[in-house]
Amino acid sequence: MMIKIKRIYETPANNDGFRVLVDRLWPRGVSKEKAKIDLWLKDIAPSDSLRKWFAHDAAKWVIFKQKYFSELSNKKDLIGEIKKRAKDGVTLLYAAKDEQHNNAQALKEYIET
């Protein structure tokens, strides 16, 4: 299973495989053509309330992941969709500036454990 993570603002590459946007909101300043996404799984993103509570505060990271993992436990079908694609390589795309503390990182960790 190969899952990569990339900011949506980075240039798409041939080795990205299946490109999945995992944010609830469309990223600012990115056209649909430029994004080159294969699938937008907005329902796999953290709930609005969790996203707003977290607000990309690294100090809340551990608790954010626990709460997000709890939400993900009810989204087995969406997780399955990513796992199925991951056999041939999948890239989870996100917009956040913080490359260590974002929902794509948490999602990758959730899927791989």
PDB file of N, CA and C in Angstrom:
ATOM      1  N   MET A   1       0.852  -1.183   0.000  1.00  0.00           N
ATOM      2  CA  MET A   1       0.000   0.000   0.000  1.00  0.00           C
ATOM      3  C   MET A   1       0.890   1.236   0.000  1.00  0.00           C
ATOM      4  N   MET A   2       0.660   2.097  -0.980  1.00  0.00           N
ATOM      5  CA  MET A   2       1.474   3.300  -1.048  1.00  0.00           C
ATOM      6  C   MET A   2       0.604   4.546  -0.972  1.00  0.00           C
ATOM      7  N   ILE A   3       0.766   5.269   0.136  1.00  0.00           N
ATOM      8  CA  ILE A   3       0.020   6.510   0.327  1.00  0.00           C
ATOM      9  C   ILE A   3       1.018   7.641   0.516  1.00  0.00           C
ATOM     10  N   LYS A   4       0.880   8.652  -0.344  1.00  0.00           N
ATOM     11  CA  LYS A   4       1.716   9.841  -0.207  1.00  0.00           C
ATOM     12  C   LYS A   4       0.828  11.012   0.177  1.00  0.00           C
ATOM     13  N   ILE A   5       1.477  12.048   0.656  1.00  0.00           N
ATOM     14  CA  ILE A   5       0.775  13.267   1.047  1.00  0.00           C
ATOM     15  C   ILE A   5       1.443  14.433   0.347  1.00  0.00           C
ATOM     16  N   LYS A   6       0.616  15.383  -0.094  1.00  0.00           N
ATOM     17  CA  LYS A   6       1.166  16.514  -0.824  1.00  0.00           C
ATOM     18  C   LYS A   6       0.233  17.710  -0.661  1.00  0.00           C
ATOM     19  N   ARG A   7       0.827  18.888  -0.561  1.00  0.00           N
ATOM     20  CA  ARG A   7      -0.005  20.104  -0.575  1.00  0.00           C
ATOM     21  C   ARG A   7      -0.558  20.272  -1.984  1.00  0.00           C
ATOM     22  N   ILE A   8      -1.792  20.694  -2.080  1.00  0.00           N
ATOM     23  CA  ILE A   8      -2.431  20.856  -3.379  1.00  0.00           C
ATOM     24  C   ILE A   8      -1.740  21.935  -4.213  1.00  0.00           C
ATOM     25  N   TYR A   9      -0.984  22.804  -3.553  1.00  0.00           N
ATOM     26  CA  TYR A   9      -0.297  23.888  -4.256  1.00  0.00           C
ATOM     27  C   TYR A   9       0.993  23.423  -4.925  1.00  0.00           C
ATOM     28  N   GLU A  10       1.448  22.203  -4.623  1.00  0.00           N
ATOM     29  CA  GLU A  10       2.627  21.657  -5.290  1.00  0.00           C
ATOM     30  C   GLU A  10       2.225  21.160  -6.678  1.00  0.00           C
ATOM     31  N   THR A  11       3.181  21.180  -7.596  1.00  0.00           N
ATOM     32  CA  THR A  11       2.917  20.747  -8.956  1.00  0.00           C
ATOM     33  C   THR A  11       2.611  19.247  -8.996  1.00  0.00           C
ATOM     34  N   PRO A  12       1.533  18.871  -9.690  1.00  0.00           N
ATOM     35  CA  PRO A  12       1.238  17.441  -9.832  1.00  0.00           C
ATOM     36  C   PRO A  12       2.389  16.717 -10.532  1.00  0.00           C
ATOM     37  N   ALA A  13       2.659  15.483 -10.114  1.00  0.00           N
ATOM     38  CA  ALA A  13       3.747  14.699 -10.705  1.00  0.00           C
ATOM     39  C   ALA A  13       3.195  13.382 -11.241  1.00  0.00           C
ATOM     40  N   ASN A  14       3.903  12.806 -12.194  1.00  0.00           N
ATOM     41  CA  ASN A  14       3.464  11.539 -12.789  1.00  0.00           C
ATOM     42  C   ASN A  14       3.395  10.420 -11.769  1.00  0.00           C
ATOM     43  N   ASN A  15       4.248  10.476 -10.739  1.00  0.00           N
ATOM     44  CA  ASN A  15       4.276   9.392  -9.746  1.00  0.00           C
ATOM     45  C   ASN A  15       3.313   9.623  -8.584  1.00  0.00           C
ATOM     46  N   ASP A  16       2.411  10.603  -8.707  1.00  0.00           N
ATOM     47  CA  ASP A  16       1.418  10.842  -7.656  1.00  0.00           C
ATOM     48  C   ASP A  16       0.383   9.711  -7.590  1.00  0.00           C
ATOM     49  N   GLY A  17       0.170   9.040  -8.693  1.00  0.00           N
ATOM     50  CA  GLY A  17      -0.882   8.034  -8.727  1.00  0.00           C
ATOM     51  C   GLY A  17      -2.245   8.708  -8.683  1.00  0.00           C
ATOM     52  N   PHE A  18      -3.195   8.086  -8.009  1.00  0.00           N
ATOM     53  CA  PHE A  18      -4.560   8.585  -7.902  1.00  0.00           C
ATOM     54  C   PHE A  18      -4.573   9.738  -6.900  1.00  0.00           C
ATOM     55  N   ARG A  19      -4.992  10.916  -7.329  1.00  0.00           N
ATOM     56  CA  ARG A  19      -4.931  12.118  -6.495  1.00  0.00           C
ATOM     57  C   ARG A  19      -6.290  12.391  -5.841  1.00  0.00           C
ATOM     58  N   VAL A  20      -6.299  12.412  -4.495  1.00  0.00           N
ATOM     59  CA  VAL A  20      -7.540  12.574  -3.732  1.00  0.00           C
ATOM     60  C   VAL A  20      -7.444  13.812  -2.836  1.00  0.00           C
ATOM     61  N   LEU A  21      -8.319  14.759  -3.046  1.00  0.00           N
ATOM     62  CA  LEU A  21      -8.405  15.926  -2.169  1.00  0.00           C
ATOM     63  C   LEU A  21      -9.202  15.525  -0.936  1.00  0.00           C
ATOM     64  N   VAL A  22      -8.605  15.688   0.251  1.00  0.00           N
ATOM     65  CA  VAL A  22      -9.245  15.241   1.496  1.00  0.00           C
ATOM     66  C   VAL A  22      -9.639  16.408   2.406  1.00  0.00           C
ATOM     67  N   ASP A  23      -9.813  17.587   1.831  1.00  0.00           N
ATOM     68  CA  ASP A  23     -10.276  18.766   2.574  1.00  0.00           C
ATOM     69  C   ASP A  23     -11.765  18.965   2.330  1.00  0.00           C
ATOM     70  N   ARG A  24     -12.448  19.508   3.317  1.00  0.00           N
ATOM     71  CA  ARG A  24     -13.883  19.784   3.187  1.00  0.00           C
ATOM     72  C   ARG A  24     -14.135  20.987   2.268  1.00  0.00           C
ATOM     73  N   LEU A  25     -13.214  21.959   2.300  1.00  0.00           N
ATOM     74  CA  LEU A  25     -13.366  23.173   1.504  1.00  0.00           C
ATOM     75  C   LEU A  25     -12.405  23.144   0.320  1.00  0.00           C
ATOM     76  N   TRP A  26     -12.870  23.679  -0.821  1.00  0.00           N
ATOM     77  CA  TRP A  26     -11.985  23.759  -1.986  1.00  0.00           C
ATOM     78  C   TRP A  26     -10.866  24.757  -1.680  1.00  0.00           C
ATOM     79  N   PRO A  27      -9.606  24.400  -1.992  1.00  0.00           N
ATOM     80  CA  PRO A  27      -8.475  25.292  -1.671  1.00  0.00           C
ATOM     81  C   PRO A  27      -8.509  26.607  -2.459  1.00  0.00           C
ATOM     82  N   ARG A  28      -8.189  27.679  -1.755  1.00  0.00           N
ATOM     83  CA  ARG A  28      -8.179  29.020  -2.366  1.00  0.00           C
ATOM     84  C   ARG A  28      -7.168  29.109  -3.497  1.00  0.00           C
ATOM     85  N   GLY A  29      -7.591  29.732  -4.567  1.00  0.00           N
ATOM     86  CA  GLY A  29      -6.674  30.066  -5.644  1.00  0.00           C
ATOM     87  C   GLY A  29      -6.234  28.890  -6.508  1.00  0.00           C
ATOM     88  N   VAL A  30      -6.915  27.757  -6.407  1.00  0.00           N
ATOM     89  CA  VAL A  30      -6.554  26.592  -7.227  1.00  0.00           C
ATOM     90  C   VAL A  30      -7.710  26.277  -8.162  1.00  0.00           C
ATOM     91  N   SER A  31      -7.433  26.299  -9.457  1.00  0.00           N
ATOM     92  CA  SER A  31      -8.487  25.956 -10.408  1.00  0.00           C
ATOM     93  C   SER A  31      -8.634  24.441 -10.468  1.00  0.00           C
ATOM     94  N   LYS A  32      -9.798  23.983 -10.909  1.00  0.00           N
ATOM     95  CA  LYS A  32     -10.036  22.542 -11.029  1.00  0.00           C
ATOM     96  C   LYS A  32      -9.024  21.916 -12.005  1.00  0.00           C
ATOM     97  N   GLU A  33      -8.681  22.638 -13.069  1.00  0.00           N
ATOM     98  CA  GLU A  33      -7.724  22.117 -14.058  1.00  0.00           C
ATOM     99  C   GLU A  33      -6.328  21.965 -13.441  1.00  0.00           C
ATOM    100  N   LYS A  34      -5.906  23.005 -12.717  1.00  0.00           N
ATOM    101  CA  LYS A  34      -4.570  23.008 -12.129  1.00  0.00           C
ATOM    102  C   LYS A  34      -4.429  21.955 -11.019  1.00  0.00           C
ATOM    103  N   ALA A  35      -5.522  21.695 -10.316  1.00  0.00           N
ATOM    104  CA  ALA A  35      -5.483  20.759  -9.193  1.00  0.00           C
ATOM    105  C   ALA A  35      -5.237  19.326  -9.646  1.00  0.00           C
ATOM    106  N   LYS A  36      -5.722  18.990 -10.820  1.00  0.00           N
ATOM    107  CA  LYS A  36      -5.583  17.628 -11.351  1.00  0.00           C
ATOM    108  C   LYS A  36      -5.967  16.563 -10.317  1.00  0.00           C
ATOM    109  N   ILE A  37      -7.133  16.730  -9.707  1.00  0.00           N
ATOM    110  CA  ILE A  37      -7.562  15.721  -8.738  1.00  0.00           C
ATOM    111  C   ILE A  37      -8.424  14.675  -9.440  1.00  0.00           C
ATOM    112  N   ASP A  38      -8.329  13.445  -8.951  1.00  0.00           N
ATOM    113  CA  ASP A  38      -9.135  12.353  -9.482  1.00  0.00           C
ATOM    114  C   ASP A  38     -10.422  12.187  -8.674  1.00  0.00           C
ATOM    115  N   LEU A  39     -10.362  12.591  -7.409  1.00  0.00           N
ATOM    116  CA  LEU A  39     -11.504  12.406  -6.523  1.00  0.00           C
ATOM    117  C   LEU A  39     -11.437  13.434  -5.401  1.00  0.00           C
ATOM    118  N   TRP A  40     -12.584  14.036  -5.071  1.00  0.00           N
ATOM    119  CA  TRP A  40     -12.654  14.954  -3.932  1.00  0.00           C
ATOM    120  C   TRP A  40     -13.525  14.284  -2.882  1.00  0.00           C
ATOM    121  N   LEU A  41     -12.879  13.794  -1.823  1.00  0.00           N
ATOM    122  CA  LEU A  41     -13.594  13.108  -0.740  1.00  0.00           C
ATOM    123  C   LEU A  41     -13.824  14.085   0.412  1.00  0.00           C
ATOM    124  N   LYS A  42     -14.679  15.081   0.201  1.00  0.00           N
ATOM    125  CA  LYS A  42     -14.876  16.089   1.248  1.00  0.00           C
ATOM    126  C   LYS A  42     -15.481  15.493   2.512  1.00  0.00           C
ATOM    127  N   ASP A  43     -16.211  14.380   2.382  1.00  0.00           N
ATOM    128  CA  ASP A  43     -16.850  13.777   3.554  1.00  0.00           C
ATOM    129  C   ASP A  43     -15.873  13.025   4.456  1.00  0.00           C
ATOM    130  N   ILE A  44     -14.633  12.834   3.988  1.00  0.00           N
ATOM    131  CA  ILE A  44     -13.634  12.171   4.838  1.00  0.00           C
ATOM    132  C   ILE A  44     -12.873  13.198   5.680  1.00  0.00           C
ATOM    133  N   ALA A  45     -13.063  14.460   5.370  1.00  0.00           N
ATOM    134  CA  ALA A  45     -12.403  15.537   6.121  1.00  0.00           C
ATOM    135  C   ALA A  45     -13.005  15.632   7.529  1.00  0.00           C
ATOM    136  N   PRO A  46     -12.274  16.251   8.449  1.00  0.00           N
ATOM    137  CA  PRO A  46     -12.835  16.463   9.795  1.00  0.00           C
ATOM    138  C   PRO A  46     -14.128  17.275   9.714  1.00  0.00           C
ATOM    139  N   SER A  47     -15.027  17.044  10.643  1.00  0.00           N
ATOM    140  CA  SER A  47     -16.271  17.819  10.703  1.00  0.00           C
ATOM    141  C   SER A  47     -15.929  19.301  10.830  1.00  0.00           C
ATOM    142  N   ASP A  48     -16.884  20.142  10.439  1.00  0.00           N
ATOM    143  CA  ASP A  48     -16.659  21.590  10.552  1.00  0.00           C
ATOM    144  C   ASP A  48     -16.312  21.993  11.978  1.00  0.00           C
ATOM    145  N   SER A  49     -17.025  21.428  12.948  1.00  0.00           N
ATOM    146  CA  SER A  49     -16.771  21.816  14.345  1.00  0.00           C
ATOM    147  C   SER A  49     -15.364  21.396  14.776  1.00  0.00           C
ATOM    148  N   LEU A  50     -14.919  20.214  14.376  1.00  0.00           N
ATOM    149  CA  LEU A  50     -13.575  19.760  14.742  1.00  0.00           C
ATOM    150  C   LEU A  50     -12.513  20.597  14.031  1.00  0.00           C
ATOM    151  N   ARG A  51     -12.746  20.876  12.765  1.00  0.00           N
ATOM    152  CA  ARG A  51     -11.795  21.678  11.989  1.00  0.00           C
ATOM    153  C   ARG A  51     -11.633  23.067  12.614  1.00  0.00           C
ATOM    154  N   LYS A  52     -12.740  23.680  12.978  1.00  0.00           N
ATOM    155  CA  LYS A  52     -12.686  25.022  13.569  1.00  0.00           C
ATOM    156  C   LYS A  52     -12.044  24.991  14.955  1.00  0.00           C
ATOM    157  N   TRP A  53     -12.335  23.945  15.736  1.00  0.00           N
ATOM    158  CA  TRP A  53     -11.731  23.812  17.065  1.00  0.00           C
ATOM    159  C   TRP A  53     -10.213  23.662  16.947  1.00  0.00           C
ATOM    160  N   PHE A  54      -9.764  22.813  16.036  1.00  0.00           N
ATOM    161  CA  PHE A  54      -8.324  22.556  15.862  1.00  0.00           C
ATOM    162  C   PHE A  54      -7.597  23.805  15.369  1.00  0.00           C
ATOM    163  N   ALA A  55      -8.136  24.446  14.357  1.00  0.00           N
ATOM    164  CA  ALA A  55      -7.574  25.686  13.795  1.00  0.00           C
ATOM    165  C   ALA A  55      -6.064  25.592  13.549  1.00  0.00           C
ATOM    166  N   HIS A  56      -5.588  24.419  13.168  1.00  0.00           N
ATOM    167  CA  HIS A  56      -4.164  24.166  12.868  1.00  0.00           C
ATOM    168  C   HIS A  56      -3.238  24.577  14.012  1.00  0.00           C
ATOM    169  N   ASP A  57      -3.711  24.358  15.235  1.00  0.00           N
ATOM    170  CA  ASP A  57      -2.914  24.632  16.429  1.00  0.00           C
ATOM    171  C   ASP A  57      -2.165  23.351  16.804  1.00  0.00           C
ATOM    172  N   ALA A  58      -0.854  23.345  16.595  1.00  0.00           N
ATOM    173  CA  ALA A  58      -0.039  22.147  16.839  1.00  0.00           C
ATOM    174  C   ALA A  58      -0.164  21.640  18.279  1.00  0.00           C
ATOM    175  N   ALA A  59      -0.452  22.527  19.195  1.00  0.00           N
ATOM    176  CA  ALA A  59      -0.606  22.122  20.603  1.00  0.00           C
ATOM    177  C   ALA A  59      -1.824  21.214  20.796  1.00  0.00           C
ATOM    178  N   LYS A  60      -2.792  21.291  19.889  1.00  0.00           N
ATOM    179  CA  LYS A  60      -4.009  20.475  19.983  1.00  0.00           C
ATOM    180  C   LYS A  60      -3.909  19.194  19.144  1.00  0.00           C
ATOM    181  N   TRP A  61      -2.749  18.947  18.531  1.00  0.00           N
ATOM    182  CA  TRP A  61      -2.587  17.867  17.560  1.00  0.00           C
ATOM    183  C   TRP A  61      -3.014  16.491  18.084  1.00  0.00           C
ATOM    184  N   VAL A  62      -2.537  16.103  19.259  1.00  0.00           N
ATOM    185  CA  VAL A  62      -2.822  14.764  19.789  1.00  0.00           C
ATOM    186  C   VAL A  62      -4.326  14.586  20.012  1.00  0.00           C
ATOM    187  N   ILE A  63      -4.964  15.590  20.610  1.00  0.00           N
ATOM    188  CA  ILE A  63      -6.400  15.503  20.864  1.00  0.00           C
ATOM    189  C   ILE A  63      -7.176  15.570  19.545  1.00  0.00           C
ATOM    190  N   PHE A  64      -6.712  16.412  18.630  1.00  0.00           N
ATOM    191  CA  PHE A  64      -7.347  16.482  17.302  1.00  0.00           C
ATOM    192  C   PHE A  64      -7.358  15.102  16.645  1.00  0.00           C
ATOM    193  N   LYS A  65      -6.207  14.425  16.668  1.00  0.00           N
ATOM    194  CA  LYS A  65      -6.132  13.101  16.026  1.00  0.00           C
ATOM    195  C   LYS A  65      -7.101  12.119  16.684  1.00  0.00           C
ATOM    196  N   GLN A  66      -7.176  12.113  17.997  1.00  0.00           N
ATOM    197  CA  GLN A  66      -8.101  11.204  18.689  1.00  0.00           C
ATOM    198  C   GLN A  66      -9.540  11.460  18.239  1.00  0.00           C
ATOM    199  N   LYS A  67      -9.919  12.737  18.204  1.00  0.00           N
ATOM    200  CA  LYS A  67     -11.290  13.091  17.816  1.00  0.00           C
ATOM    201  C   LYS A  67     -11.541  12.762  16.341  1.00  0.00           C
ATOM    202  N   TYR A  68     -10.544  13.040  15.503  1.00  0.00           N
ATOM    203  CA  TYR A  68     -10.690  12.774  14.067  1.00  0.00           C
ATOM    204  C   TYR A  68     -10.762  11.262  13.812  1.00  0.00           C
ATOM    205  N   PHE A  69      -9.920  10.483  14.511  1.00  0.00           N
ATOM    206  CA  PHE A  69      -9.947   9.020  14.355  1.00  0.00           C
ATOM    207  C   PHE A  69     -11.323   8.488  14.752  1.00  0.00           C
ATOM    208  N   SER A  70     -11.912   9.084  15.769  1.00  0.00           N
ATOM    209  CA  SER A  70     -13.254   8.687  16.191  1.00  0.00           C
ATOM    210  C   SER A  70     -14.259   8.948  15.068  1.00  0.00           C
ATOM    211  N   GLU A  71     -14.145  10.110  14.414  1.00  0.00           N
ATOM    212  CA  GLU A  71     -15.023  10.416  13.273  1.00  0.00           C
ATOM    213  C   GLU A  71     -14.777   9.429  12.126  1.00  0.00           C
ATOM    214  N   LEU A  72     -13.508   9.118  11.887  1.00  0.00           N
ATOM    215  CA  LEU A  72     -13.173   8.223  10.776  1.00  0.00           C
ATOM    216  C   LEU A  72     -13.700   6.810  10.982  1.00  0.00           C
ATOM    217  N   SER A  73     -13.861   6.402  12.228  1.00  0.00           N
ATOM    218  CA  SER A  73     -14.349   5.049  12.495  1.00  0.00           C
ATOM    219  C   SER A  73     -15.758   4.837  11.935  1.00  0.00           C
ATOM    220  N   ASN A  74     -16.467   5.924  11.634  1.00  0.00           N
ATOM    221  CA  ASN A  74     -17.811   5.836  11.046  1.00  0.00           C
ATOM    222  C   ASN A  74     -17.793   6.025   9.526  1.00  0.00           C
ATOM    223  N   LYS A  75     -16.597   6.014   8.935  1.00  0.00           N
ATOM    224  CA  LYS A  75     -16.483   6.279   7.491  1.00  0.00           C
ATOM    225  C   LYS A  75     -15.710   5.163   6.792  1.00  0.00           C
ATOM    226  N   LYS A  76     -16.022   3.929   7.149  1.00  0.00           N
ATOM    227  CA  LYS A  76     -15.299   2.761   6.631  1.00  0.00           C
ATOM    228  C   LYS A  76     -15.351   2.676   5.094  1.00  0.00           C
ATOM    229  N   ASP A  77     -16.483   3.076   4.504  1.00  0.00           N
ATOM    230  CA  ASP A  77     -16.615   3.010   3.045  1.00  0.00           C
ATOM    231  C   ASP A  77     -15.627   3.958   2.357  1.00  0.00           C
ATOM    232  N   LEU A  78     -15.464   5.159   2.920  1.00  0.00           N
ATOM    233  CA  LEU A  78     -14.533   6.132   2.327  1.00  0.00           C
ATOM    234  C   LEU A  78     -13.085   5.688   2.535  1.00  0.00           C
ATOM    235  N   ILE A  79     -12.796   5.124   3.711  1.00  0.00           N
ATOM    236  CA  ILE A  79     -11.454   4.591   3.987  1.00  0.00           C
ATOM    237  C   ILE A  79     -11.162   3.461   3.002  1.00  0.00           C
ATOM    238  N   GLY A  80     -12.154   2.610   2.775  1.00  0.00           N
ATOM    239  CA  GLY A  80     -12.010   1.498   1.833  1.00  0.00           C
ATOM    240  C   GLY A  80     -11.701   1.973   0.431  1.00  0.00           C
ATOM    241  N   GLU A  81     -12.316   3.062   0.034  1.00  0.00           N
ATOM    242  CA  GLU A  81     -12.069   3.649  -1.292  1.00  0.00           C
ATOM    243  C   GLU A  81     -10.592   4.042  -1.434  1.00  0.00           C
ATOM    244  N   ILE A  82     -10.042   4.656  -0.406  1.00  0.00           N
ATOM    245  CA  ILE A  82      -8.628   5.052  -0.448  1.00  0.00           C
ATOM    246  C   ILE A  82      -7.724   3.824  -0.429  1.00  0.00           C
ATOM    247  N   LYS A  83      -8.030   2.858   0.438  1.00  0.00           N
ATOM    248  CA  LYS A  83      -7.204   1.638   0.524  1.00  0.00           C
ATOM    249  C   LYS A  83      -7.170   0.900  -0.813  1.00  0.00           C
ATOM    250  N   LYS A  84      -8.319   0.847  -1.482  1.00  0.00           N
ATOM    251  CA  LYS A  84      -8.411   0.168  -2.775  1.00  0.00           C
ATOM    252  C   LYS A  84      -7.474   0.838  -3.787  1.00  0.00           C
ATOM    253  N   ARG A  85      -7.491   2.168  -3.799  1.00  0.00           N
ATOM    254  CA  ARG A  85      -6.649   2.933  -4.727  1.00  0.00           C
ATOM    255  C   ARG A  85      -5.173   2.864  -4.346  1.00  0.00           C
ATOM    256  N   ALA A  86      -4.900   2.681  -3.052  1.00  0.00           N
ATOM    257  CA  ALA A  86      -3.518   2.734  -2.549  1.00  0.00           C
ATOM    258  C   ALA A  86      -2.661   1.583  -3.075  1.00  0.00           C
ATOM    259  N   LYS A  87      -3.285   0.523  -3.524  1.00  0.00           N
ATOM    260  CA  LYS A  87      -2.520  -0.601  -4.084  1.00  0.00           C
ATOM    261  C   LYS A  87      -1.663  -0.130  -5.257  1.00  0.00           C
ATOM    262  N   ASP A  88      -2.211   0.794  -6.052  1.00  0.00           N
ATOM    263  CA  ASP A  88      -1.481   1.327  -7.208  1.00  0.00           C
ATOM    264  C   ASP A  88      -0.855   2.683  -6.925  1.00  0.00           C
ATOM    265  N   GLY A  89      -0.990   3.164  -5.685  1.00  0.00           N
ATOM    266  CA  GLY A  89      -0.423   4.464  -5.313  1.00  0.00           C
ATOM    267  C   GLY A  89      -1.485   5.541  -5.291  1.00  0.00           C
ATOM    268  N   VAL A  90      -1.560   6.222  -4.166  1.00  0.00           N
ATOM    269  CA  VAL A  90      -2.521   7.303  -4.003  1.00  0.00           C
ATOM    270  C   VAL A  90      -1.818   8.470  -3.311  1.00  0.00           C
ATOM    271  N   THR A  91      -2.204   9.683  -3.679  1.00  0.00           N
ATOM    272  CA  THR A  91      -1.683  10.876  -3.019  1.00  0.00           C
ATOM    273  C   THR A  91      -2.852  11.625  -2.396  1.00  0.00           C
ATOM    274  N   LEU A  92      -2.759  11.827  -1.080  1.00  0.00           N
ATOM    275  CA  LEU A  92      -3.765  12.601  -0.355  1.00  0.00           C
ATOM    276  C   LEU A  92      -3.375  14.073  -0.441  1.00  0.00           C
ATOM    277  N   LEU A  93      -4.275  14.883  -0.931  1.00  0.00           N
ATOM    278  CA  LEU A  93      -3.996  16.306  -1.129  1.00  0.00           C
ATOM    279  C   LEU A  93      -4.710  17.139  -0.071  1.00  0.00           C
ATOM    280  N   TYR A  94      -3.994  18.150   0.430  1.00  0.00           N
ATOM    281  CA  TYR A  94      -4.538  19.043   1.453  1.00  0.00           C
ATOM    282  C   TYR A  94      -4.024  20.448   1.177  1.00  0.00           C
ATOM    283  N   ALA A  95      -4.637  21.447   1.793  1.00  0.00           N
ATOM    284  CA  ALA A  95      -4.257  22.839   1.538  1.00  0.00           C
ATOM    285  C   ALA A  95      -3.498  23.501   2.683  1.00  0.00           C
ATOM    286  N   ALA A  96      -3.567  22.938   3.883  1.00  0.00           N
ATOM    287  CA  ALA A  96      -2.980  23.596   5.062  1.00  0.00           C
ATOM    288  C   ALA A  96      -1.497  23.925   4.867  1.00  0.00           C
ATOM    289  N   LYS A  97      -1.061  25.013   5.508  1.00  0.00           N
ATOM    290  CA  LYS A  97       0.348  25.411   5.424  1.00  0.00           C
ATOM    291  C   LYS A  97       1.237  24.499   6.262  1.00  0.00           C
ATOM    292  N   ASP A  98       0.720  24.011   7.389  1.00  0.00           N
ATOM    293  CA  ASP A  98       1.492  23.155   8.292  1.00  0.00           C
ATOM    294  C   ASP A  98       1.575  21.744   7.706  1.00  0.00           C
ATOM    295  N   GLU A  99       2.776  21.331   7.333  1.00  0.00           N
ATOM    296  CA  GLU A  99       2.944  20.040   6.662  1.00  0.00           C
ATOM    297  C   GLU A  99       2.999  18.867   7.630  1.00  0.00           C
ATOM    298  N   GLN A 100       3.140  19.124   8.942  1.00  0.00           N
ATOM    299  CA  GLN A 100       3.197  18.043   9.936  1.00  0.00           C
ATOM    300  C   GLN A 100       1.850  17.830  10.626  1.00  0.00           C
ATOM    301  N   HIS A 101       1.093  18.897  10.789  1.00  0.00           N
ATOM    302  CA  HIS A 101      -0.150  18.838  11.567  1.00  0.00           C
ATOM    303  C   HIS A 101      -1.336  19.206  10.689  1.00  0.00           C
ATOM    304  N   ASN A 102      -1.839  18.242   9.932  1.00  0.00           N
ATOM    305  CA  ASN A 102      -3.000  18.475   9.076  1.00  0.00           C
ATOM    306  C   ASN A 102      -3.806  17.189   8.938  1.00  0.00           C
ATOM    307  N   ASN A 103      -5.022  17.318   8.437  1.00  0.00           N
ATOM    308  CA  ASN A 103      -5.903  16.151   8.368  1.00  0.00           C
ATOM    309  C   ASN A 103      -5.395  15.060   7.430  1.00  0.00           C
ATOM    310  N   ALA A 104      -4.628  15.420   6.391  1.00  0.00           N
ATOM    311  CA  ALA A 104      -4.095  14.392   5.484  1.00  0.00           C
ATOM    312  C   ALA A 104      -3.069  13.523   6.208  1.00  0.00           C
ATOM    313  N   GLN A 105      -2.217  14.144   7.033  1.00  0.00           N
ATOM    314  CA  GLN A 105      -1.245  13.375   7.831  1.00  0.00           C
ATOM    315  C   GLN A 105      -1.977  12.424   8.770  1.00  0.00           C
ATOM    316  N   ALA A 106      -2.984  12.944   9.455  1.00  0.00           N
ATOM    317  CA  ALA A 106      -3.751  12.129  10.408  1.00  0.00           C
ATOM    318  C   ALA A 106      -4.463  10.994   9.683  1.00  0.00           C
ATOM    319  N   LEU A 107      -5.038  11.298   8.539  1.00  0.00           N
ATOM    320  CA  LEU A 107      -5.758  10.282   7.759  1.00  0.00           C
ATOM    321  C   LEU A 107      -4.811   9.170   7.305  1.00  0.00           C
ATOM    322  N   LYS A 108      -3.643   9.548   6.821  1.00  0.00           N
ATOM    323  CA  LYS A 108      -2.652   8.555   6.398  1.00  0.00           C
ATOM    324  C   LYS A 108      -2.276   7.643   7.562  1.00  0.00           C
ATOM    325  N   GLU A 109      -2.030   8.239   8.722  1.00  0.00           N
ATOM    326  CA  GLU A 109      -1.700   7.467   9.916  1.00  0.00           C
ATOM    327  C   GLU A 109      -2.841   6.512  10.276  1.00  0.00           C
ATOM    328  N   TYR A 110      -4.063   7.004  10.208  1.00  0.00           N
ATOM    329  CA  TYR A 110      -5.236   6.182  10.531  1.00  0.00           C
ATOM    330  C   TYR A 110      -5.330   4.969   9.591  1.00  0.00           C
ATOM    331  N   ILE A 111      -5.151   5.213   8.299  1.00  0.00           N
ATOM    332  CA  ILE A 111      -5.275   4.139   7.316  1.00  0.00           C
ATOM    333  C   ILE A 111      -4.164   3.106   7.477  1.00  0.00           C
ATOM    334  N   GLU A 112      -2.965   3.567   7.808  1.00  0.00           N
ATOM    335  CA  GLU A 112      -1.807   2.668   7.872  1.00  0.00           C
ATOM    336  C   GLU A 112      -1.705   1.890   9.177  1.00  0.00           C
ATOM    337  N   THR A 113      -2.532   2.236  10.182  1.00  0.00           N
ATOM    338  CA  THR A 113      -2.449   1.501  11.462  1.00  0.00           C
ATOM    339  C   THR A 113      -3.701   0.684  11.716  1.00  0.00           C
TER     340      THR A 113
END
